[in-house]
Amino acid sequence: MSAPRPARGRLESALPEMPLKAVPGPSDEAVGAAAEPSEARPVREPKPRAVCPLAVCDGGGWIVDDNDVATPCECRAGKIEKARAKGVSATLPKRYRGVSFDRPPVTEMARGAATRSKVAEVRGFCDQIDARLDEGRGLWIQGGTGTGKTTLAMLVSKAALDAGRTAAIYSLPGLLARIRRTFDGEAGEDTYFTFFNRLISVDLLHLDDLGAENRTEWVLEQLYAIIDRRYSDQRSILVTTNLSERELREQLGERITSRLVEVCGDPLELPGDDRRVQISPGVLGYGSD
């Protein structure tokens, strides 16, 4: 009867204690013939080289002349801006990723007598998105619940992102919650100043549902700091709100509202009833707020 095999993981204790000595092994040919083929190691793809969007430098953001003197390429400023924008919400909400001037509810709004000119104004802003952002111009879209203001605003943010510009897209309650998290001091999260600097550095700041948060001194302080800095730096702001200009002045105060008017111009008012109860969500594919 053969001896019982030692339990797995206890081979060493099962072996008798004896001095080690050299034991002749099989030849290399025998090993090669008996060995099972090993799994092929995955080939790591090389990282793609950076490319200069202006086709001037080698993609690194610097131009080196014949005397080994380096000067910054014009593309470097754009790279820095995109790096600063990391850490902010720069994607369209899932509900609005299919938004288009060629789909409902925008097509219905474009045919409506009361909203046709509003859609045309937003389309004009999108068609000149680079120039408007370079000038620091914005939009202020005002209307009741379900009138399509958020949909039109998302068209602007989509145009900015499609043009390769940086953007931060937040509902006001969501932005304030994000700012509050910076005070928790959790490891790996942005500090308040890091997040604030990213927020004021993007080409477009999209604030949805302005005036929805309860008015407190802390809320007004955060809003004023962000809007005043972007106003001073001539950076674009895009806002939507259910409140009229008069109501917004009462809610946020004169200092904040006057700066919004400077950046965004007069409110683009959307009349009408709640479109979400008029159009089937299956037809839209996204919301119409």
Protein backbone atom coordinates (compact mmCIF):
# COMPACT_ATOMS: atom_id res chain seq x y z
CA MET A 1 0.00 0.00 0.00
CA SER A 2 1.41 3.37 -0.95
CA ALA A 3 2.09 5.98 1.69
CA PRO A 4 -0.62 8.66 2.13
CA ARG A 5 0.04 11.93 0.30
CA PRO A 6 0.77 14.94 2.51
CA ALA A 7 -1.94 17.53 2.81
CA ARG A 8 -1.74 20.48 0.40
CA GLY A 9 0.08 23.41 1.96
CA ARG A 10 1.99 21.11 4.41
CA LEU A 11 4.52 19.55 2.07
CA GLU A 12 7.52 20.89 3.93
CA SER A 13 6.52 19.39 7.28
CA ALA A 14 5.83 16.01 5.67
CA LEU A 15 9.35 15.63 4.24
CA PRO A 16 11.97 13.84 6.38
CA GLU A 17 14.80 15.98 7.69
CA MET A 18 18.00 15.10 5.79
CA PRO A 19 20.95 16.95 4.35
CA LEU A 20 20.43 18.38 0.90
CA LYS A 21 22.49 16.91 -1.92
CA ALA A 22 22.66 17.41 -5.64
CA VAL A 23 20.36 15.14 -7.57
CA PRO A 24 20.87 14.72 -11.31
CA GLY A 25 17.94 16.08 -13.23
CA PRO A 26 16.53 15.42 -16.67
CA SER A 27 18.26 16.83 -19.73
CA ASP A 28 17.21 20.16 -21.23
CA GLU A 29 15.74 18.32 -24.20
CA ALA A 30 13.59 16.18 -21.94
CA VAL A 31 12.38 19.19 -20.00
CA GLY A 32 11.55 21.00 -23.21
CA ALA A 33 9.63 18.04 -24.53
CA ALA A 34 7.67 17.46 -21.35
CA ALA A 35 6.93 21.06 -20.41
CA GLU A 36 3.48 22.35 -21.20
CA PRO A 37 3.38 25.51 -23.34
CA SER A 38 3.04 28.59 -21.13
CA GLU A 39 0.32 31.14 -21.70
CA ALA A 40 1.37 34.01 -23.90
CA ARG A 41 1.86 37.20 -21.94
CA PRO A 42 -0.39 40.06 -23.02
CA VAL A 43 1.42 42.62 -25.11
CA ARG A 44 1.16 46.07 -23.56
CA GLU A 45 0.20 48.59 -26.16
CA PRO A 46 2.47 51.65 -26.24
CA LYS A 47 0.86 54.86 -25.07
CA PRO A 48 -0.08 57.10 -28.00
CA ARG A 49 2.19 60.07 -28.41
CA ALA A 50 0.77 63.47 -27.66
CA VAL A 51 -0.18 65.46 -30.73
CA CYS A 52 -0.07 69.22 -31.10
CA PRO A 53 -3.49 70.43 -32.29
CA LEU A 54 -1.74 73.23 -34.16
CA ALA A 55 0.85 70.89 -35.75
CA VAL A 56 3.65 73.13 -34.48
CA CYS A 57 5.39 71.30 -31.60
CA ASP A 58 5.91 67.59 -30.94
CA GLY A 59 2.88 67.47 -28.68
CA GLY A 60 4.75 68.34 -25.50
CA GLY A 61 3.79 72.01 -25.57
CA TRP A 62 7.30 73.36 -26.24
CA ILE A 63 9.22 74.40 -29.34
CA VAL A 64 13.00 73.85 -29.26
CA ASP A 65 15.08 75.85 -31.75
CA ASP A 66 18.50 75.02 -33.22
CA ASN A 67 20.21 76.55 -30.17
CA ASP A 68 18.27 74.25 -27.79
CA VAL A 69 16.23 77.17 -26.51
CA ALA A 70 12.65 76.14 -25.60
CA THR A 71 9.67 78.44 -26.01
CA PRO A 72 6.06 77.54 -25.15
CA CYS A 73 3.85 76.49 -28.06
CA GLU A 74 0.45 78.15 -28.43
CA CYS A 75 -1.16 74.78 -27.70
CA ARG A 76 0.31 74.80 -24.19
CA ALA A 77 -2.30 77.21 -22.82
CA GLY A 78 -5.10 74.88 -23.92
CA LYS A 79 -3.38 71.90 -22.29
CA ILE A 80 -3.07 73.81 -19.03
CA GLU A 81 -6.74 74.80 -19.10
CA LYS A 82 -7.84 71.19 -19.64
CA ALA A 83 -5.59 70.02 -16.82
CA ARG A 84 -7.16 72.57 -14.49
CA ALA A 85 -10.63 71.42 -15.50
CA LYS A 86 -10.06 67.86 -14.27
CA GLY A 87 -12.14 67.17 -11.20
CA VAL A 88 -15.29 69.05 -12.25
CA SER A 89 -18.43 67.60 -13.81
CA ALA A 90 -17.76 68.00 -17.53
CA THR A 91 -20.25 65.56 -19.07
CA LEU A 92 -23.87 66.00 -20.03
CA PRO A 93 -26.33 64.22 -17.74
CA LYS A 94 -27.46 60.92 -19.29
CA ARG A 95 -30.98 62.22 -19.89
CA TYR A 96 -29.66 64.99 -22.14
CA ARG A 97 -26.94 63.25 -24.16
CA GLY A 98 -29.24 62.91 -27.17
CA VAL A 99 -30.22 66.58 -27.17
CA SER A 100 -30.31 68.13 -30.64
CA PHE A 101 -31.85 70.99 -32.60
CA ASP A 102 -33.24 68.29 -34.91
CA ARG A 103 -35.16 66.33 -32.25
CA PRO A 104 -38.15 66.97 -30.00
CA PRO A 105 -38.79 68.97 -27.93
CA VAL A 106 -36.53 71.52 -29.65
CA THR A 107 -38.15 70.95 -33.05
CA GLU A 108 -41.57 71.69 -31.53
CA MET A 109 -40.22 74.78 -29.80
CA ALA A 110 -38.70 75.98 -33.08
CA ARG A 111 -42.16 75.84 -34.69
CA GLY A 112 -43.97 77.58 -31.84
CA ALA A 113 -44.75 81.25 -32.35
CA ALA A 114 -43.77 82.16 -28.78
CA THR A 115 -40.54 80.13 -28.64
CA ARG A 116 -39.23 80.23 -32.23
CA SER A 117 -37.04 83.26 -31.66
CA LYS A 118 -35.67 81.79 -28.39
CA VAL A 119 -34.49 78.65 -30.14
CA ALA A 120 -32.94 80.77 -32.89
CA GLU A 121 -31.00 82.80 -30.33
CA VAL A 122 -29.63 79.68 -28.66
CA ARG A 123 -28.71 78.21 -32.07
CA GLY A 124 -26.86 81.41 -32.93
CA PHE A 125 -24.92 81.19 -29.67
CA CYS A 126 -24.00 77.56 -30.42
CA ASP A 127 -22.95 78.37 -33.98
CA GLN A 128 -20.50 80.97 -32.62
CA ILE A 129 -19.51 79.05 -29.52
CA ASP A 130 -15.77 79.70 -29.75
CA ALA A 131 -16.18 83.44 -30.24
CA ARG A 132 -18.76 83.71 -27.45
CA LEU A 133 -16.59 81.80 -24.99
CA ASP A 134 -13.49 83.79 -25.96
CA GLU A 135 -15.44 86.98 -25.26
CA GLY A 136 -16.69 85.63 -21.93
CA ARG A 137 -20.32 85.95 -22.98
CA GLY A 138 -23.04 83.77 -21.48
CA LEU A 139 -26.75 83.03 -21.51
CA TRP A 140 -29.49 83.34 -18.91
CA ILE A 141 -32.54 81.15 -19.70
CA GLN A 142 -35.64 81.70 -17.57
CA GLY A 143 -38.93 79.83 -17.60
CA GLY A 144 -41.40 77.79 -15.62
CA THR A 145 -41.13 74.08 -14.93
CA GLY A 146 -40.98 71.98 -18.11
CA THR A 147 -40.73 74.88 -20.57
CA GLY A 148 -37.50 73.53 -22.11
CA LYS A 149 -34.92 75.83 -20.53
CA THR A 150 -32.59 73.04 -19.37
CA THR A 151 -32.79 71.36 -22.78
CA LEU A 152 -31.74 74.57 -24.53
CA ALA A 153 -28.96 75.11 -22.01
CA MET A 154 -27.65 71.58 -22.59
CA LEU A 155 -27.42 72.37 -26.30
CA VAL A 156 -24.98 75.17 -25.43
CA SER A 157 -22.89 72.97 -23.15
CA LYS A 158 -22.86 70.23 -25.79
CA ALA A 159 -21.65 72.71 -28.41
CA ALA A 160 -18.85 73.82 -26.08
CA LEU A 161 -17.72 70.25 -25.37
CA ASP A 162 -17.95 69.30 -29.05
CA ALA A 163 -15.70 72.28 -29.84
CA GLY A 164 -13.07 70.95 -27.45
CA ARG A 165 -13.70 73.60 -24.81
CA THR A 166 -13.76 72.94 -21.07
CA ALA A 167 -17.02 73.08 -19.12
CA ALA A 168 -18.42 72.43 -15.65
CA ILE A 169 -22.09 71.39 -15.56
CA TYR A 170 -23.93 71.43 -12.24
CA SER A 171 -27.36 71.93 -10.80
CA LEU A 172 -27.06 74.54 -8.08
CA PRO A 173 -27.96 72.09 -5.27
CA GLY A 174 -25.43 69.60 -6.69
CA LEU A 175 -22.69 72.21 -6.87
CA LEU A 176 -23.23 73.35 -3.30
CA ALA A 177 -23.16 69.72 -2.11
CA ARG A 178 -19.88 69.25 -3.99
CA ILE A 179 -18.40 72.34 -2.35
CA ARG A 180 -19.47 71.10 1.09
CA ARG A 181 -17.59 67.83 0.49
CA THR A 182 -14.34 69.74 0.04
CA PHE A 183 -14.54 70.76 3.70
CA ASP A 184 -14.65 67.12 4.87
CA GLY A 185 -10.95 66.78 4.15
CA GLU A 186 -11.10 63.16 2.99
CA ALA A 187 -7.87 61.78 1.56
CA GLY A 188 -7.66 61.95 -2.22
CA GLU A 189 -10.41 64.58 -2.59
CA ASP A 190 -9.92 68.14 -3.72
CA THR A 191 -9.49 70.89 -1.19
CA TYR A 192 -11.85 73.82 -1.40
CA PHE A 193 -9.27 76.02 -3.10
CA THR A 194 -8.33 73.32 -5.63
CA PHE A 195 -11.96 72.78 -6.60
CA PHE A 196 -12.69 76.52 -6.62
CA ASN A 197 -9.76 77.19 -8.96
CA ARG A 198 -10.93 74.46 -11.31
CA LEU A 199 -14.46 75.82 -11.25
CA ILE A 200 -13.42 79.35 -12.20
CA SER A 201 -10.92 78.21 -14.86
CA VAL A 202 -13.21 76.29 -17.24
CA ASP A 203 -14.38 78.00 -20.44
CA LEU A 204 -18.06 77.56 -19.54
CA LEU A 205 -19.77 77.25 -16.17
CA HIS A 206 -23.29 75.83 -16.53
CA LEU A 207 -25.49 76.37 -13.45
CA ASP A 208 -28.91 74.76 -13.67
CA ASP A 209 -31.84 75.70 -11.43
CA LEU A 210 -30.32 78.87 -10.01
CA GLY A 211 -32.28 80.10 -7.00
CA ALA A 212 -33.49 76.61 -6.05
CA GLU A 213 -31.35 76.43 -2.91
CA ASN A 214 -32.52 77.95 0.36
CA ARG A 215 -31.04 81.39 0.83
CA THR A 216 -28.37 81.38 3.54
CA GLU A 217 -25.31 83.55 4.09
CA TRP A 218 -23.10 80.58 3.21
CA VAL A 219 -24.92 79.94 -0.10
CA LEU A 220 -24.72 83.61 -1.08
CA GLU A 221 -21.05 83.72 -0.16
CA GLN A 222 -20.22 80.72 -2.38
CA LEU A 223 -22.24 82.00 -5.32
CA TYR A 224 -20.80 85.48 -5.11
CA ALA A 225 -17.22 84.19 -4.95
CA ILE A 226 -17.69 82.03 -8.05
CA ILE A 227 -19.70 84.46 -10.16
CA ASP A 228 -17.64 87.51 -9.22
CA ARG A 229 -14.39 85.76 -10.12
CA ARG A 230 -15.70 84.59 -13.47
CA TYR A 231 -17.13 88.06 -14.11
CA SER A 232 -13.73 89.62 -13.36
CA ASP A 233 -11.88 87.08 -15.53
CA GLN A 234 -14.43 87.46 -18.37
CA ARG A 235 -15.38 83.79 -18.43
CA SER A 236 -18.74 82.56 -19.67
CA ILE A 237 -21.63 81.61 -17.41
CA LEU A 238 -24.77 79.74 -18.50
CA VAL A 239 -27.69 79.72 -16.07
CA THR A 240 -31.26 78.44 -16.00
CA THR A 241 -33.82 79.45 -13.41
CA ASN A 242 -37.54 79.29 -12.68
CA LEU A 243 -37.36 82.74 -11.14
CA SER A 244 -37.94 86.06 -12.88
CA GLU A 245 -35.17 88.66 -12.75
CA ARG A 246 -36.98 90.50 -9.98
CA GLU A 247 -37.43 87.31 -7.95
CA LEU A 248 -33.80 86.36 -8.49
CA ARG A 249 -32.65 89.76 -7.22
CA GLU A 250 -34.72 89.19 -4.10
CA GLN A 251 -33.36 85.67 -3.67
CA LEU A 252 -29.67 86.23 -4.45
CA GLY A 253 -29.20 89.95 -3.96
CA GLU A 254 -28.13 92.79 -6.21
CA ARG A 255 -24.39 92.00 -6.31
CA ILE A 256 -24.83 88.50 -7.75
CA THR A 257 -27.71 89.31 -10.11
CA SER A 258 -26.09 92.43 -11.59
CA ARG A 259 -22.95 90.46 -12.45
CA LEU A 260 -25.06 87.78 -14.13
CA VAL A 261 -26.70 90.47 -16.26
CA GLU A 262 -23.26 91.80 -17.21
CA VAL A 263 -22.07 88.36 -18.33
CA CYS A 264 -25.31 86.89 -19.73
CA GLY A 265 -27.36 89.88 -20.82
CA ASP A 266 -31.11 90.04 -20.27
CA PRO A 267 -32.90 86.78 -19.43
CA LEU A 268 -34.11 84.69 -22.36
CA GLU A 269 -37.67 84.06 -21.20
CA LEU A 270 -39.46 80.87 -22.23
CA PRO A 271 -43.25 81.07 -21.99
CA GLY A 272 -45.59 78.12 -22.12
CA ASP A 273 -46.89 75.19 -20.14
CA ASP A 274 -45.06 72.11 -18.90
CA ARG A 275 -43.98 70.29 -22.08
CA ARG A 276 -43.20 67.11 -20.19
CA VAL A 277 -46.92 66.38 -19.80
CA GLN A 278 -47.54 67.13 -23.50
CA ILE A 279 -44.83 65.02 -25.15
CA SER A 280 -44.24 61.33 -24.51
CA PRO A 281 -40.87 60.58 -22.89
CA GLY A 282 -40.49 57.73 -25.39
CA VAL A 283 -40.49 60.26 -28.20
CA LEU A 284 -38.04 62.59 -26.53
CA GLY A 285 -35.36 60.25 -25.32
CA TYR A 286 -34.44 62.94 -22.78
CA GLY A 287 -36.02 65.53 -20.53
CA SER A 288 -37.44 68.87 -21.56
CA ASP A 289 -37.02 71.00 -18.46
